Amino acid sequence: MSSATISQANELIWELLEALEDAYWEASTCEDKDCNFNMLQVLTAEYMELLKVSVQDHHYEYEVISTSQDAMNQALAEYQQFTTNYPHRLRTQQRLRRLLSQFSSMVTPSGQ
């Protein structure tokens, strides 16, 4: 796991939530919307938990707190598989993949 701070994780998750929201509104099928919504729910829960952390503690190393590490990694892996052909809008696709990759490397243990 890369050593990102709580502050860095907070910013990255916020950017990822914005990108997921764009992808949600660009989705043309219920299946695409459902997949986006599931990931939005997982990351929103994480973001809400991070907001509870005191600003004075934002320099500490980030670790997943809203769910287990395994559950977060599984949700990310499943969503990343989903994004191989989605979203269709290139700008959203590139932004989403970049942010997912950054967040995945932040939460995945370096041994995996």
PDB file of N, CA and C in Angstrom:
ATOM      1  N   MET A   1       0.853  -1.157   0.000  1.00  0.00           N
ATOM      2  CA  MET A   1       0.000   0.000   0.000  1.00  0.00           C
ATOM      3  C   MET A   1       0.903   1.225   0.000  1.00  0.00           C
ATOM      4  N   SER A   2       0.615   2.175  -0.862  1.00  0.00           N
ATOM      5  CA  SER A   2       1.403   3.393  -0.852  1.00  0.00           C
ATOM      6  C   SER A   2       1.034   4.187   0.390  1.00  0.00           C
ATOM      7  N   SER A   3       1.962   4.973   0.877  1.00  0.00           N
ATOM      8  CA  SER A   3       1.695   5.721   2.097  1.00  0.00           C
ATOM      9  C   SER A   3       1.099   7.086   1.751  1.00  0.00           C
ATOM     10  N   ALA A   4      -0.190   7.107   1.563  1.00  0.00           N
ATOM     11  CA  ALA A   4      -0.923   8.340   1.316  1.00  0.00           C
ATOM     12  C   ALA A   4      -1.509   8.822   2.632  1.00  0.00           C
ATOM     13  N   THR A   5      -1.642  10.109   2.756  1.00  0.00           N
ATOM     14  CA  THR A   5      -2.227  10.656   3.972  1.00  0.00           C
ATOM     15  C   THR A   5      -3.752  10.661   3.867  1.00  0.00           C
ATOM     16  N   ILE A   6      -4.383  10.864   4.995  1.00  0.00           N
ATOM     17  CA  ILE A   6      -5.840  10.964   5.022  1.00  0.00           C
ATOM     18  C   ILE A   6      -6.294  12.120   4.152  1.00  0.00           C
ATOM     19  N   SER A   7      -5.577  13.212   4.194  1.00  0.00           N
ATOM     20  CA  SER A   7      -5.906  14.385   3.383  1.00  0.00           C
ATOM     21  C   SER A   7      -5.845  14.056   1.887  1.00  0.00           C
ATOM     22  N   GLN A   8      -4.808  13.366   1.461  1.00  0.00           N
ATOM     23  CA  GLN A   8      -4.671  12.974   0.057  1.00  0.00           C
ATOM     24  C   GLN A   8      -5.782  12.017  -0.354  1.00  0.00           C
ATOM     25  N   ALA A   9      -6.112  11.079   0.513  1.00  0.00           N
ATOM     26  CA  ALA A   9      -7.189  10.128   0.218  1.00  0.00           C
ATOM     27  C   ALA A   9      -8.517  10.858   0.095  1.00  0.00           C
ATOM     28  N   ASN A  10      -8.759  11.793   0.977  1.00  0.00           N
ATOM     29  CA  ASN A  10      -9.989  12.577   0.946  1.00  0.00           C
ATOM     30  C   ASN A  10     -10.153  13.290  -0.402  1.00  0.00           C
ATOM     31  N   GLU A  11      -9.091  13.934  -0.849  1.00  0.00           N
ATOM     32  CA  GLU A  11      -9.129  14.658  -2.123  1.00  0.00           C
ATOM     33  C   GLU A  11      -9.344  13.710  -3.299  1.00  0.00           C
ATOM     34  N   LEU A  12      -8.641  12.590  -3.290  1.00  0.00           N
ATOM     35  CA  LEU A  12      -8.753  11.624  -4.381  1.00  0.00           C
ATOM     36  C   LEU A  12     -10.150  11.006  -4.430  1.00  0.00           C
ATOM     37  N   ILE A  13     -10.686  10.659  -3.283  1.00  0.00           N
ATOM     38  CA  ILE A  13     -12.029  10.077  -3.255  1.00  0.00           C
ATOM     39  C   ILE A  13     -13.049  11.092  -3.756  1.00  0.00           C
ATOM     40  N   TRP A  14     -12.886  12.350  -3.381  1.00  0.00           N
ATOM     41  CA  TRP A  14     -13.820  13.380  -3.869  1.00  0.00           C
ATOM     42  C   TRP A  14     -13.767  13.480  -5.394  1.00  0.00           C
ATOM     43  N   GLU A  15     -12.560  13.508  -5.958  1.00  0.00           N
ATOM     44  CA  GLU A  15     -12.418  13.559  -7.422  1.00  0.00           C
ATOM     45  C   GLU A  15     -13.040  12.324  -8.068  1.00  0.00           C
ATOM     46  N   LEU A  16     -12.820  11.189  -7.456  1.00  0.00           N
ATOM     47  CA  LEU A  16     -13.369   9.929  -7.974  1.00  0.00           C
ATOM     48  C   LEU A  16     -14.896   9.940  -7.916  1.00  0.00           C
ATOM     49  N   LEU A  17     -15.455  10.469  -6.853  1.00  0.00           N
ATOM     50  CA  LEU A  17     -16.910  10.581  -6.751  1.00  0.00           C
ATOM     51  C   LEU A  17     -17.476  11.476  -7.858  1.00  0.00           C
ATOM     52  N   GLU A  18     -16.790  12.564  -8.158  1.00  0.00           N
ATOM     53  CA  GLU A  18     -17.237  13.451  -9.240  1.00  0.00           C
ATOM     54  C   GLU A  18     -17.180  12.735 -10.589  1.00  0.00           C
ATOM     55  N   ALA A  19     -16.114  11.982 -10.832  1.00  0.00           N
ATOM     56  CA  ALA A  19     -15.980  11.242 -12.085  1.00  0.00           C
ATOM     57  C   ALA A  19     -17.042  10.145 -12.188  1.00  0.00           C
ATOM     58  N   LEU A  20     -17.317   9.471 -11.087  1.00  0.00           N
ATOM     59  CA  LEU A  20     -18.350   8.437 -11.078  1.00  0.00           C
ATOM     60  C   LEU A  20     -19.735   9.033 -11.321  1.00  0.00           C
ATOM     61  N   GLU A  21     -19.952  10.206 -10.796  1.00  0.00           N
ATOM     62  CA  GLU A  21     -21.228  10.882 -11.036  1.00  0.00           C
ATOM     63  C   GLU A  21     -21.389  11.218 -12.518  1.00  0.00           C
ATOM     64  N   ASP A  22     -20.324  11.700 -13.146  1.00  0.00           N
ATOM     65  CA  ASP A  22     -20.366  11.960 -14.588  1.00  0.00           C
ATOM     66  C   ASP A  22     -20.672  10.680 -15.350  1.00  0.00           C
ATOM     67  N   ALA A  23     -19.979   9.603 -14.976  1.00  0.00           N
ATOM     68  CA  ALA A  23     -20.192   8.318 -15.653  1.00  0.00           C
ATOM     69  C   ALA A  23     -21.617   7.823 -15.441  1.00  0.00           C
ATOM     70  N   TYR A  24     -22.150   8.052 -14.271  1.00  0.00           N
ATOM     71  CA  TYR A  24     -23.532   7.634 -13.993  1.00  0.00           C
ATOM     72  C   TYR A  24     -24.504   8.334 -14.942  1.00  0.00           C
ATOM     73  N   TRP A  25     -24.353   9.637 -15.093  1.00  0.00           N
ATOM     74  CA  TRP A  25     -25.280  10.384 -15.944  1.00  0.00           C
ATOM     75  C   TRP A  25     -25.060  10.116 -17.425  1.00  0.00           C
ATOM     76  N   GLU A  26     -23.884   9.646 -17.787  1.00  0.00           N
ATOM     77  CA  GLU A  26     -23.608   9.300 -19.185  1.00  0.00           C
ATOM     78  C   GLU A  26     -24.050   7.873 -19.512  1.00  0.00           C
ATOM     79  N   ALA A  27     -24.355   7.076 -18.502  1.00  0.00           N
ATOM     80  CA  ALA A  27     -24.744   5.672 -18.708  1.00  0.00           C
ATOM     81  C   ALA A  27     -26.049   5.587 -19.485  1.00  0.00           C
ATOM     82  N   SER A  28     -26.089   4.629 -20.395  1.00  0.00           N
ATOM     83  CA  SER A  28     -27.280   4.495 -21.236  1.00  0.00           C
ATOM     84  C   SER A  28     -28.142   3.292 -20.870  1.00  0.00           C
ATOM     85  N   THR A  29     -27.647   2.429 -19.991  1.00  0.00           N
ATOM     86  CA  THR A  29     -28.437   1.260 -19.593  1.00  0.00           C
ATOM     87  C   THR A  29     -28.576   1.220 -18.072  1.00  0.00           C
ATOM     88  N   CYS A  30     -29.572   0.511 -17.622  1.00  0.00           N
ATOM     89  CA  CYS A  30     -29.776   0.342 -16.178  1.00  0.00           C
ATOM     90  C   CYS A  30     -28.606  -0.416 -15.548  1.00  0.00           C
ATOM     91  N   GLU A  31     -28.075  -1.388 -16.252  1.00  0.00           N
ATOM     92  CA  GLU A  31     -26.930  -2.153 -15.737  1.00  0.00           C
ATOM     93  C   GLU A  31     -25.721  -1.238 -15.497  1.00  0.00           C
ATOM     94  N   ASP A  32     -25.448  -0.345 -16.452  1.00  0.00           N
ATOM     95  CA  ASP A  32     -24.344   0.598 -16.299  1.00  0.00           C
ATOM     96  C   ASP A  32     -24.588   1.539 -15.121  1.00  0.00           C
ATOM     97  N   LYS A  33     -25.813   2.023 -15.003  1.00  0.00           N
ATOM     98  CA  LYS A  33     -26.154   2.914 -13.892  1.00  0.00           C
ATOM     99  C   LYS A  33     -26.029   2.182 -12.556  1.00  0.00           C
ATOM    100  N   ASP A  34     -26.489   0.936 -12.496  1.00  0.00           N
ATOM    101  CA  ASP A  34     -26.400   0.152 -11.263  1.00  0.00           C
ATOM    102  C   ASP A  34     -24.953  -0.050 -10.832  1.00  0.00           C
ATOM    103  N   CYS A  35     -24.104  -0.386 -11.766  1.00  0.00           N
ATOM    104  CA  CYS A  35     -22.692  -0.617 -11.460  1.00  0.00           C
ATOM    105  C   CYS A  35     -22.045   0.669 -10.929  1.00  0.00           C
ATOM    106  N   ASN A  36     -22.340   1.787 -11.585  1.00  0.00           N
ATOM    107  CA  ASN A  36     -21.821   3.073 -11.128  1.00  0.00           C
ATOM    108  C   ASN A  36     -22.363   3.419  -9.751  1.00  0.00           C
ATOM    109  N   PHE A  37     -23.647   3.194  -9.556  1.00  0.00           N
ATOM    110  CA  PHE A  37     -24.275   3.519  -8.282  1.00  0.00           C
ATOM    111  C   PHE A  37     -23.654   2.711  -7.148  1.00  0.00           C
ATOM    112  N   ASN A  38     -23.383   1.442  -7.387  1.00  0.00           N
ATOM    113  CA  ASN A  38     -22.754   0.605  -6.356  1.00  0.00           C
ATOM    114  C   ASN A  38     -21.402   1.162  -5.936  1.00  0.00           C
ATOM    115  N   MET A  39     -20.595   1.554  -6.918  1.00  0.00           N
ATOM    116  CA  MET A  39     -19.278   2.105  -6.594  1.00  0.00           C
ATOM    117  C   MET A  39     -19.419   3.462  -5.915  1.00  0.00           C
ATOM    118  N   LEU A  40     -20.380   4.252  -6.351  1.00  0.00           N
ATOM    119  CA  LEU A  40     -20.651   5.541  -5.695  1.00  0.00           C
ATOM    120  C   LEU A  40     -20.994   5.329  -4.223  1.00  0.00           C
ATOM    121  N   GLN A  41     -21.805   4.321  -3.930  1.00  0.00           N
ATOM    122  CA  GLN A  41     -22.210   4.035  -2.554  1.00  0.00           C
ATOM    123  C   GLN A  41     -21.005   3.651  -1.690  1.00  0.00           C
ATOM    124  N   VAL A  42     -20.150   2.789  -2.221  1.00  0.00           N
ATOM    125  CA  VAL A  42     -18.971   2.341  -1.476  1.00  0.00           C
ATOM    126  C   VAL A  42     -18.058   3.523  -1.159  1.00  0.00           C
ATOM    127  N   LEU A  43     -17.793   4.344  -2.159  1.00  0.00           N
ATOM    128  CA  LEU A  43     -16.875   5.468  -1.957  1.00  0.00           C
ATOM    129  C   LEU A  43     -17.505   6.602  -1.159  1.00  0.00           C
ATOM    130  N   THR A  44     -18.802   6.782  -1.269  1.00  0.00           N
ATOM    131  CA  THR A  44     -19.475   7.803  -0.465  1.00  0.00           C
ATOM    132  C   THR A  44     -19.394   7.437   1.012  1.00  0.00           C
ATOM    133  N   ALA A  45     -19.583   6.165   1.324  1.00  0.00           N
ATOM    134  CA  ALA A  45     -19.467   5.709   2.716  1.00  0.00           C
ATOM    135  C   ALA A  45     -18.054   5.970   3.244  1.00  0.00           C
ATOM    136  N   GLU A  46     -17.054   5.695   2.419  1.00  0.00           N
ATOM    137  CA  GLU A  46     -15.664   5.928   2.828  1.00  0.00           C
ATOM    138  C   GLU A  46     -15.411   7.422   3.021  1.00  0.00           C
ATOM    139  N   TYR A  47     -15.894   8.214   2.098  1.00  0.00           N
ATOM    140  CA  TYR A  47     -15.710   9.665   2.179  1.00  0.00           C
ATOM    141  C   TYR A  47     -16.379  10.226   3.441  1.00  0.00           C
ATOM    142  N   MET A  48     -17.580   9.763   3.743  1.00  0.00           N
ATOM    143  CA  MET A  48     -18.301  10.241   4.925  1.00  0.00           C
ATOM    144  C   MET A  48     -17.542   9.878   6.203  1.00  0.00           C
ATOM    145  N   GLU A  49     -16.936   8.713   6.237  1.00  0.00           N
ATOM    146  CA  GLU A  49     -16.140   8.333   7.413  1.00  0.00           C
ATOM    147  C   GLU A  49     -14.889   9.196   7.530  1.00  0.00           C
ATOM    148  N   LEU A  50     -14.275   9.499   6.414  1.00  0.00           N
ATOM    149  CA  LEU A  50     -13.076  10.346   6.444  1.00  0.00           C
ATOM    150  C   LEU A  50     -13.393  11.766   6.895  1.00  0.00           C
ATOM    151  N   LEU A  51     -14.596  12.228   6.605  1.00  0.00           N
ATOM    152  CA  LEU A  51     -14.990  13.567   7.043  1.00  0.00           C
ATOM    153  C   LEU A  51     -15.081  13.658   8.564  1.00  0.00           C
ATOM    154  N   LYS A  52     -15.243  12.540   9.225  1.00  0.00           N
ATOM    155  CA  LYS A  52     -15.331  12.515  10.689  1.00  0.00           C
ATOM    156  C   LYS A  52     -13.964  12.631  11.364  1.00  0.00           C
ATOM    157  N   VAL A  53     -12.903  12.406  10.588  1.00  0.00           N
ATOM    158  CA  VAL A  53     -11.553  12.451  11.138  1.00  0.00           C
ATOM    159  C   VAL A  53     -11.167  13.913  11.353  1.00  0.00           C
ATOM    160  N   SER A  54     -10.628  14.206  12.495  1.00  0.00           N
ATOM    161  CA  SER A  54     -10.210  15.565  12.826  1.00  0.00           C
ATOM    162  C   SER A  54      -9.190  16.075  11.807  1.00  0.00           C
ATOM    163  N   VAL A  55      -9.303  17.321  11.461  1.00  0.00           N
ATOM    164  CA  VAL A  55      -8.359  17.949  10.525  1.00  0.00           C
ATOM    165  C   VAL A  55      -6.937  17.849  11.057  1.00  0.00           C
ATOM    166  N   GLN A  56      -6.805  17.850  12.354  1.00  0.00           N
ATOM    167  CA  GLN A  56      -5.479  17.740  12.972  1.00  0.00           C
ATOM    168  C   GLN A  56      -4.833  16.373  12.730  1.00  0.00           C
ATOM    169  N   ASP A  57      -5.643  15.402  12.332  1.00  0.00           N
ATOM    170  CA  ASP A  57      -5.127  14.057  12.085  1.00  0.00           C
ATOM    171  C   ASP A  57      -4.986  13.728  10.600  1.00  0.00           C
ATOM    172  N   HIS A  58      -5.185  14.691   9.741  1.00  0.00           N
ATOM    173  CA  HIS A  58      -5.148  14.444   8.293  1.00  0.00           C
ATOM    174  C   HIS A  58      -3.760  14.120   7.762  1.00  0.00           C
ATOM    175  N   HIS A  59      -2.740  14.287   8.559  1.00  0.00           N
ATOM    176  CA  HIS A  59      -1.386  13.960   8.122  1.00  0.00           C
ATOM    177  C   HIS A  59      -1.046  12.487   8.340  1.00  0.00           C
ATOM    178  N   TYR A  60      -1.907  11.766   9.057  1.00  0.00           N
ATOM    179  CA  TYR A  60      -1.663  10.343   9.295  1.00  0.00           C
ATOM    180  C   TYR A  60      -1.887   9.527   8.019  1.00  0.00           C
ATOM    181  N   GLU A  61      -1.275   8.352   8.010  1.00  0.00           N
ATOM    182  CA  GLU A  61      -1.403   7.467   6.857  1.00  0.00           C
ATOM    183  C   GLU A  61      -2.844   6.995   6.703  1.00  0.00           C
ATOM    184  N   TYR A  62      -3.306   6.968   5.474  1.00  0.00           N
ATOM    185  CA  TYR A  62      -4.674   6.566   5.167  1.00  0.00           C
ATOM    186  C   TYR A  62      -4.817   5.051   5.167  1.00  0.00           C
ATOM    187  N   GLU A  63      -5.930   4.586   5.709  1.00  0.00           N
ATOM    188  CA  GLU A  63      -6.336   3.191   5.574  1.00  0.00           C
ATOM    189  C   GLU A  63      -7.853   3.172   5.476  1.00  0.00           C
ATOM    190  N   VAL A  64      -8.385   2.175   4.791  1.00  0.00           N
ATOM    191  CA  VAL A  64      -9.825   2.051   4.579  1.00  0.00           C
ATOM    192  C   VAL A  64     -10.514   1.903   5.926  1.00  0.00           C
ATOM    193  N   ILE A  65     -11.597   2.678   6.141  1.00  0.00           N
ATOM    194  CA  ILE A  65     -12.262   2.612   7.437  1.00  0.00           C
ATOM    195  C   ILE A  65     -13.752   2.278   7.356  1.00  0.00           C
ATOM    196  N   SER A  66     -14.371   2.420   6.199  1.00  0.00           N
ATOM    197  CA  SER A  66     -15.813   2.198   6.119  1.00  0.00           C
ATOM    198  C   SER A  66     -16.184   0.734   5.890  1.00  0.00           C
ATOM    199  N   THR A  67     -15.236  -0.047   5.450  1.00  0.00           N
ATOM    200  CA  THR A  67     -15.458  -1.462   5.161  1.00  0.00           C
ATOM    201  C   THR A  67     -14.122  -2.176   5.327  1.00  0.00           C
ATOM    202  N   SER A  68     -14.095  -3.447   5.092  1.00  0.00           N
ATOM    203  CA  SER A  68     -12.823  -4.165   5.199  1.00  0.00           C
ATOM    204  C   SER A  68     -11.945  -3.853   3.982  1.00  0.00           C
ATOM    205  N   GLN A  69     -10.672  -4.047   4.155  1.00  0.00           N
ATOM    206  CA  GLN A  69      -9.706  -3.849   3.067  1.00  0.00           C
ATOM    207  C   GLN A  69     -10.042  -4.762   1.893  1.00  0.00           C
ATOM    208  N   ASP A  70     -10.374  -6.007   2.194  1.00  0.00           N
ATOM    209  CA  ASP A  70     -10.711  -6.975   1.146  1.00  0.00           C
ATOM    210  C   ASP A  70     -11.959  -6.563   0.379  1.00  0.00           C
ATOM    211  N   ALA A  71     -12.975  -6.098   1.095  1.00  0.00           N
ATOM    212  CA  ALA A  71     -14.217  -5.680   0.440  1.00  0.00           C
ATOM    213  C   ALA A  71     -13.980  -4.489  -0.485  1.00  0.00           C
ATOM    214  N   MET A  72     -13.154  -3.549  -0.049  1.00  0.00           N
ATOM    215  CA  MET A  72     -12.845  -2.381  -0.890  1.00  0.00           C
ATOM    216  C   MET A  72     -12.071  -2.824  -2.126  1.00  0.00           C
ATOM    217  N   ASN A  73     -11.084  -3.686  -1.947  1.00  0.00           N
ATOM    218  CA  ASN A  73     -10.302  -4.173  -3.090  1.00  0.00           C
ATOM    219  C   ASN A  73     -11.176  -4.937  -4.074  1.00  0.00           C
ATOM    220  N   GLN A  74     -12.118  -5.734  -3.554  1.00  0.00           N
ATOM    221  CA  GLN A  74     -13.015  -6.490  -4.423  1.00  0.00           C
ATOM    222  C   GLN A  74     -13.929  -5.545  -5.205  1.00  0.00           C
ATOM    223  N   ALA A  75     -14.486  -4.540  -4.533  1.00  0.00           N
ATOM    224  CA  ALA A  75     -15.354  -3.571  -5.210  1.00  0.00           C
ATOM    225  C   ALA A  75     -14.591  -2.832  -6.308  1.00  0.00           C
ATOM    226  N   LEU A  76     -13.356  -2.440  -6.010  1.00  0.00           N
ATOM    227  CA  LEU A  76     -12.532  -1.754  -7.010  1.00  0.00           C
ATOM    228  C   LEU A  76     -12.210  -2.666  -8.189  1.00  0.00           C
ATOM    229  N   ALA A  77     -11.840  -3.901  -7.908  1.00  0.00           N
ATOM    230  CA  ALA A  77     -11.496  -4.845  -8.977  1.00  0.00           C
ATOM    231  C   ALA A  77     -12.694  -5.096  -9.889  1.00  0.00           C
ATOM    232  N   GLU A  78     -13.857  -5.299  -9.293  1.00  0.00           N
ATOM    233  CA  GLU A  78     -15.059  -5.542 -10.089  1.00  0.00           C
ATOM    234  C   GLU A  78     -15.416  -4.316 -10.934  1.00  0.00           C
ATOM    235  N   TYR A  79     -15.288  -3.140 -10.344  1.00  0.00           N
ATOM    236  CA  TYR A  79     -15.625  -1.930 -11.100  1.00  0.00           C
ATOM    237  C   TYR A  79     -14.609  -1.686 -12.213  1.00  0.00           C
ATOM    238  N   GLN A  80     -13.344  -1.956 -11.943  1.00  0.00           N
ATOM    239  CA  GLN A  80     -12.326  -1.769 -12.978  1.00  0.00           C
ATOM    240  C   GLN A  80     -12.552  -2.728 -14.140  1.00  0.00           C
ATOM    241  N   GLN A  81     -13.021  -3.946 -13.875  1.00  0.00           N
ATOM    242  CA  GLN A  81     -13.361  -4.870 -14.962  1.00  0.00           C
ATOM    243  C   GLN A  81     -14.512  -4.305 -15.774  1.00  0.00           C
ATOM    244  N   PHE A  82     -15.475  -3.727 -15.087  1.00  0.00           N
ATOM    245  CA  PHE A  82     -16.636  -3.132 -15.742  1.00  0.00           C
ATOM    246  C   PHE A  82     -16.208  -1.999 -16.677  1.00  0.00           C
ATOM    247  N   THR A  83     -15.192  -1.251 -16.298  1.00  0.00           N
ATOM    248  CA  THR A  83     -14.797  -0.079 -17.089  1.00  0.00           C
ATOM    249  C   THR A  83     -13.944  -0.413 -18.308  1.00  0.00           C
ATOM    250  N   THR A  84     -13.728  -1.686 -18.609  1.00  0.00           N
ATOM    251  CA  THR A  84     -12.945  -2.009 -19.804  1.00  0.00           C
ATOM    252  C   THR A  84     -13.665  -1.553 -21.067  1.00  0.00           C
ATOM    253  N   ASN A  85     -14.976  -1.566 -21.057  1.00  0.00           N
ATOM    254  CA  ASN A  85     -15.753  -1.113 -22.219  1.00  0.00           C
ATOM    255  C   ASN A  85     -16.652   0.066 -21.890  1.00  0.00           C
ATOM    256  N   TYR A  86     -16.465   0.653 -20.760  1.00  0.00           N
ATOM    257  CA  TYR A  86     -17.357   1.688 -20.295  1.00  0.00           C
ATOM    258  C   TYR A  86     -16.562   2.685 -19.470  1.00  0.00           C
ATOM    259  N   PRO A  87     -16.882   3.926 -19.373  1.00  0.00           N
ATOM    260  CA  PRO A  87     -17.909   4.660 -20.099  1.00  0.00           C
ATOM    261  C   PRO A  87     -17.504   4.911 -21.538  1.00  0.00           C
ATOM    262  N   HIS A  88     -18.456   5.274 -22.344  1.00  0.00           N
ATOM    263  CA  HIS A  88     -18.207   5.439 -23.770  1.00  0.00           C
ATOM    264  C   HIS A  88     -17.570   6.778 -24.111  1.00  0.00           C
ATOM    265  N   ARG A  89     -17.817   7.781 -23.321  1.00  0.00           N
ATOM    266  CA  ARG A  89     -17.232   9.098 -23.568  1.00  0.00           C
ATOM    267  C   ARG A  89     -15.763   9.058 -23.165  1.00  0.00           C
ATOM    268  N   LEU A  90     -14.878   9.308 -24.113  1.00  0.00           N
ATOM    269  CA  LEU A  90     -13.440   9.122 -23.907  1.00  0.00           C
ATOM    270  C   LEU A  90     -12.905   9.932 -22.731  1.00  0.00           C
ATOM    271  N   ARG A  91     -13.304  11.179 -22.622  1.00  0.00           N
ATOM    272  CA  ARG A  91     -12.794  12.034 -21.545  1.00  0.00           C
ATOM    273  C   ARG A  91     -13.148  11.460 -20.171  1.00  0.00           C
ATOM    274  N   THR A  92     -14.383  11.037 -20.018  1.00  0.00           N
ATOM    275  CA  THR A  92     -14.823  10.455 -18.746  1.00  0.00           C
ATOM    276  C   THR A  92     -14.108   9.137 -18.498  1.00  0.00           C
ATOM    277  N   GLN A  93     -13.965   8.328 -19.527  1.00  0.00           N
ATOM    278  CA  GLN A  93     -13.302   7.036 -19.406  1.00  0.00           C
ATOM    279  C   GLN A  93     -11.853   7.206 -18.936  1.00  0.00           C
ATOM    280  N   GLN A  94     -11.125   8.117 -19.556  1.00  0.00           N
ATOM    281  CA  GLN A  94      -9.729   8.324 -19.182  1.00  0.00           C
ATOM    282  C   GLN A  94      -9.597   8.862 -17.762  1.00  0.00           C
ATOM    283  N   ARG A  95     -10.448   9.823 -17.412  1.00  0.00           N
ATOM    284  CA  ARG A  95     -10.409  10.397 -16.058  1.00  0.00           C
ATOM    285  C   ARG A  95     -10.736   9.335 -15.017  1.00  0.00           C
ATOM    286  N   LEU A  96     -11.770   8.568 -15.267  1.00  0.00           N
ATOM    287  CA  LEU A  96     -12.202   7.540 -14.333  1.00  0.00           C
ATOM    288  C   LEU A  96     -11.129   6.470 -14.161  1.00  0.00           C
ATOM    289  N   ARG A  97     -10.554   6.024 -15.238  1.00  0.00           N
ATOM    290  CA  ARG A  97      -9.506   4.990 -15.159  1.00  0.00           C
ATOM    291  C   ARG A  97      -8.274   5.495 -14.411  1.00  0.00           C
ATOM    292  N   ARG A  98      -7.885   6.733 -14.658  1.00  0.00           N
ATOM    293  CA  ARG A  98      -6.724   7.316 -13.979  1.00  0.00           C
ATOM    294  C   ARG A  98      -6.968   7.389 -12.472  1.00  0.00           C
ATOM    295  N   LEU A  99      -8.137   7.895 -12.088  1.00  0.00           N
ATOM    296  CA  LEU A  99      -8.462   8.032 -10.672  1.00  0.00           C
ATOM    297  C   LEU A  99      -8.633   6.682  -9.989  1.00  0.00           C
ATOM    298  N   LEU A 100      -9.261   5.737 -10.681  1.00  0.00           N
ATOM    299  CA  LEU A 100      -9.415   4.388 -10.125  1.00  0.00           C
ATOM    300  C   LEU A 100      -8.059   3.733  -9.903  1.00  0.00           C
ATOM    301  N   SER A 101      -7.172   3.922 -10.844  1.00  0.00           N
ATOM    302  CA  SER A 101      -5.826   3.362 -10.717  1.00  0.00           C
ATOM    303  C   SER A 101      -5.102   3.967  -9.516  1.00  0.00           C
ATOM    304  N   GLN A 102      -5.206   5.274  -9.364  1.00  0.00           N
ATOM    305  CA  GLN A 102      -4.562   5.951  -8.233  1.00  0.00           C
ATOM    306  C   GLN A 102      -5.141   5.458  -6.906  1.00  0.00           C
ATOM    307  N   PHE A 103      -6.460   5.379  -6.844  1.00  0.00           N
ATOM    308  CA  PHE A 103      -7.091   4.950  -5.591  1.00  0.00           C
ATOM    309  C   PHE A 103      -6.790   3.487  -5.313  1.00  0.00           C
ATOM    310  N   SER A 104      -6.810   2.666  -6.342  1.00  0.00           N
ATOM    311  CA  SER A 104      -6.514   1.244  -6.175  1.00  0.00           C
ATOM    312  C   SER A 104      -5.107   1.046  -5.627  1.00  0.00           C
ATOM    313  N   SER A 105      -4.144   1.794  -6.152  1.00  0.00           N
ATOM    314  CA  SER A 105      -2.767   1.660  -5.651  1.00  0.00           C
ATOM    315  C   SER A 105      -2.646   2.197  -4.224  1.00  0.00           C
ATOM    316  N   MET A 106      -3.556   3.098  -3.863  1.00  0.00           N
ATOM    317  CA  MET A 106      -3.544   3.658  -2.501  1.00  0.00           C
ATOM    318  C   MET A 106      -4.068   2.632  -1.482  1.00  0.00           C
ATOM    319  N   VAL A 107      -5.022   1.812  -1.887  1.00  0.00           N
ATOM    320  CA  VAL A 107      -5.645   0.894  -0.932  1.00  0.00           C
ATOM    321  C   VAL A 107      -5.195  -0.558  -1.063  1.00  0.00           C
ATOM    322  N   THR A 108      -4.484  -0.893  -2.124  1.00  0.00           N
ATOM    323  CA  THR A 108      -4.031  -2.261  -2.322  1.00  0.00           C
ATOM    324  C   THR A 108      -2.670  -2.475  -1.678  1.00  0.00           C
ATOM    325  N   PRO A 109      -2.545  -3.480  -0.855  1.00  0.00           N
ATOM    326  CA  PRO A 109      -1.247  -3.783  -0.271  1.00  0.00           C
ATOM    327  C   PRO A 109      -0.210  -4.010  -1.367  1.00  0.00           C
ATOM    328  N   SER A 110       1.003  -3.563  -1.139  1.00  0.00           N
ATOM    329  CA  SER A 110       2.044  -3.635  -2.168  1.00  0.00           C
ATOM    330  C   SER A 110       2.387  -5.063  -2.563  1.00  0.00           C
ATOM    331  N   GLY A 111       2.078  -6.045  -1.745  1.00  0.00           N
ATOM    332  CA  GLY A 111       2.364  -7.442  -2.052  1.00  0.00           C
ATOM    333  C   GLY A 111       1.409  -8.060  -3.057  1.00  0.00           C
ATOM    334  N   GLN A 112       0.313  -7.370  -3.396  1.00  0.00           N
ATOM    335  CA  GLN A 112      -0.675  -7.957  -4.283  1.00  0.00           C
ATOM    336  C   GLN A 112      -0.463  -7.523  -5.706  1.00  0.00           C
TER     337      GLN A 112
END
